[in-house]
């Protein structure tokens, strides 16, 4: 299993399930930081057409390109379904944001061979490890 640093370092395209249009929410601000640092960030929210000036998709299955990492801003009880959807689209890893953990989601990811992170902020790891996809 890759470390959180390795997952982020080796990912190019990140789908954000539960991305928010509200700039005051972490589900908006955290992925925006990844976008500013050079990652391809794809918002997934069935109630929005665009977030961060990026096209927004209702479901992971609707994304028309490969996704390396699925970053999750949804309640823990919804995460097993998100992990199953991530497996279905061929994502290599799932990352549950700080405050979100699910033994069932972890088990599903492990059985499918996906790298899995939970209860950890992706933006904090990016900052602490000084990671960027910009040249």
Protein backbone atom coordinates (compact mmCIF):
# COMPACT_ATOMS: atom_id res chain seq x y z
CA UNK A 1 0.00 0.00 0.00
CA UNK A 2 1.19 3.47 -0.87
CA UNK A 3 1.55 6.18 1.76
CA UNK A 4 -0.70 9.25 1.61
CA UNK A 5 2.26 11.21 0.21
CA UNK A 6 2.87 8.61 -2.51
CA UNK A 7 -0.82 8.50 -3.45
CA UNK A 8 -0.97 12.26 -3.87
CA UNK A 9 2.42 12.48 -5.56
CA UNK A 10 1.52 9.75 -8.08
CA UNK A 11 -2.00 11.02 -8.83
CA UNK A 12 -2.72 13.45 -11.65
CA UNK A 13 -6.52 13.46 -11.81
CA UNK A 14 -8.58 13.71 -8.63
CA UNK A 15 -12.37 13.38 -8.55
CA UNK A 16 -13.93 15.09 -5.54
CA UNK A 17 -17.17 13.46 -4.40
CA UNK A 18 -19.20 15.96 -2.41
CA UNK A 19 -17.47 19.02 -3.86
CA UNK A 20 -19.20 22.19 -2.68
CA UNK A 21 -20.02 25.47 -4.44
CA UNK A 22 -19.82 27.26 -1.05
CA UNK A 23 -16.36 28.86 -0.64
CA UNK A 24 -16.77 28.74 3.17
CA UNK A 25 -16.89 24.94 3.21
CA UNK A 26 -13.83 22.70 3.30
CA UNK A 27 -15.35 20.67 0.44
CA UNK A 28 -14.75 23.78 -1.69
CA UNK A 29 -11.54 25.24 -0.26
CA UNK A 30 -9.51 22.04 0.11
CA UNK A 31 -9.89 20.80 -3.50
CA UNK A 32 -9.38 24.35 -4.76
CA UNK A 33 -5.90 24.28 -3.19
CA UNK A 34 -5.12 21.09 -5.13
CA UNK A 35 -6.32 22.76 -8.32
CA UNK A 36 -4.07 25.78 -7.62
CA UNK A 37 -1.11 23.45 -7.14
CA UNK A 38 -1.54 21.79 -10.52
CA UNK A 39 -3.73 18.72 -10.05
CA UNK A 40 -6.63 18.04 -12.41
CA UNK A 41 -9.60 18.30 -10.04
CA UNK A 42 -13.02 17.08 -11.15
CA UNK A 43 -16.00 18.04 -8.97
CA UNK A 44 -18.73 15.45 -8.37
CA UNK A 45 -21.99 16.94 -7.12
CA UNK A 46 -25.44 16.16 -8.57
CA UNK A 47 -26.69 19.67 -7.71
CA UNK A 48 -24.09 21.75 -9.55
CA UNK A 49 -23.11 22.30 -13.20
CA UNK A 50 -19.72 23.92 -12.49
CA UNK A 51 -17.45 24.31 -9.46
CA UNK A 52 -14.04 26.08 -9.56
CA UNK A 53 -14.90 26.86 -13.18
CA UNK A 54 -14.67 23.12 -13.89
CA UNK A 55 -17.51 20.99 -15.31
CA UNK A 56 -19.25 19.14 -12.50
CA UNK A 57 -20.57 15.58 -12.79
CA UNK A 58 -23.49 14.01 -10.95
CA UNK A 59 -21.73 10.67 -10.39
CA UNK A 60 -18.25 9.20 -10.69
CA UNK A 61 -19.54 7.03 -13.54
CA UNK A 62 -20.33 10.19 -15.54
CA UNK A 63 -16.71 11.38 -15.66
CA UNK A 64 -15.46 10.91 -19.25
CA UNK A 65 -11.78 10.45 -18.42
CA UNK A 66 -9.61 8.24 -16.19
CA UNK A 67 -9.44 9.16 -12.50
CA UNK A 68 -6.42 8.31 -10.34
CA UNK A 69 -7.79 9.27 -6.94
CA UNK A 70 -11.27 9.76 -5.49
CA UNK A 71 -11.31 12.32 -2.66
CA UNK A 72 -14.45 12.05 -0.52
CA UNK A 73 -16.36 14.78 1.33
CA UNK A 74 -19.48 12.75 2.23
CA UNK A 75 -20.82 11.29 5.49
CA UNK A 76 -19.20 8.02 6.57
CA UNK A 77 -22.33 5.97 5.92
CA UNK A 78 -22.18 6.94 2.24
CA UNK A 79 -18.53 6.01 1.75
CA UNK A 80 -18.92 2.26 1.04
CA UNK A 81 -21.03 3.12 -2.03
CA UNK A 82 -18.46 5.74 -3.10
CA UNK A 83 -15.66 3.17 -2.80
CA UNK A 84 -17.66 0.72 -4.94
CA UNK A 85 -18.17 3.49 -7.53
CA UNK A 86 -14.43 4.29 -7.43
CA UNK A 87 -13.64 0.63 -8.09
CA UNK A 88 -16.13 0.59 -10.99
CA UNK A 89 -14.38 3.51 -12.74
CA UNK A 90 -10.90 2.06 -12.24
CA UNK A 91 -9.59 4.59 -9.70
CA UNK A 92 -6.37 3.52 -7.99
CA UNK A 93 -7.07 5.11 -4.59
CA UNK A 94 -9.77 6.53 -2.32
CA UNK A 95 -9.13 9.28 0.23
CA UNK A 96 -11.71 10.09 2.92
CA UNK A 97 -11.27 13.57 4.31
CA UNK A 98 -10.53 14.45 7.92
CA UNK A 99 -13.34 13.37 10.22
CA UNK A 100 -14.58 10.66 7.84
CA UNK A 101 -13.86 6.97 8.51
CA UNK A 102 -15.59 3.71 7.64
CA UNK A 103 -14.44 0.17 8.45
CA UNK A 104 -16.71 -1.15 5.69
CA UNK A 105 -15.36 1.29 3.08
CA UNK A 106 -11.80 0.35 4.16
CA UNK A 107 -12.62 -3.36 3.78
CA UNK A 108 -14.17 -2.90 0.33
CA UNK A 109 -11.12 -0.92 -0.84
CA UNK A 110 -8.69 -3.50 0.58
CA UNK A 111 -10.51 -6.40 -1.07
CA UNK A 112 -10.32 -4.58 -4.41
CA UNK A 113 -6.63 -3.69 -3.98
CA UNK A 114 -7.23 0.07 -3.81
CA UNK A 115 -4.99 2.34 -1.80
CA UNK A 116 -7.10 3.87 0.97
CA UNK A 117 -6.74 6.83 3.31
CA UNK A 118 -9.30 7.96 5.87
CA UNK A 119 -9.67 10.71 8.44
CA UNK A 120 -6.88 12.81 6.94
CA UNK A 121 -7.00 16.12 5.08
CA UNK A 122 -5.48 15.85 1.62
CA UNK A 123 -4.59 19.56 1.63
CA UNK A 124 -2.68 19.22 4.91
CA UNK A 125 -0.64 16.36 3.45
CA UNK A 126 0.00 18.43 0.32
CA UNK A 127 1.22 21.37 2.39
CA UNK A 128 3.31 19.39 4.90
CA UNK A 129 4.99 17.39 2.14
CA UNK A 130 5.36 20.50 -0.05
CA UNK A 131 3.83 18.70 -3.01
CA UNK A 132 2.89 20.39 -6.26
CA UNK A 133 2.21 19.28 -9.83
CA UNK A 134 3.36 22.67 -11.12
CA UNK A 135 6.81 22.84 -12.76
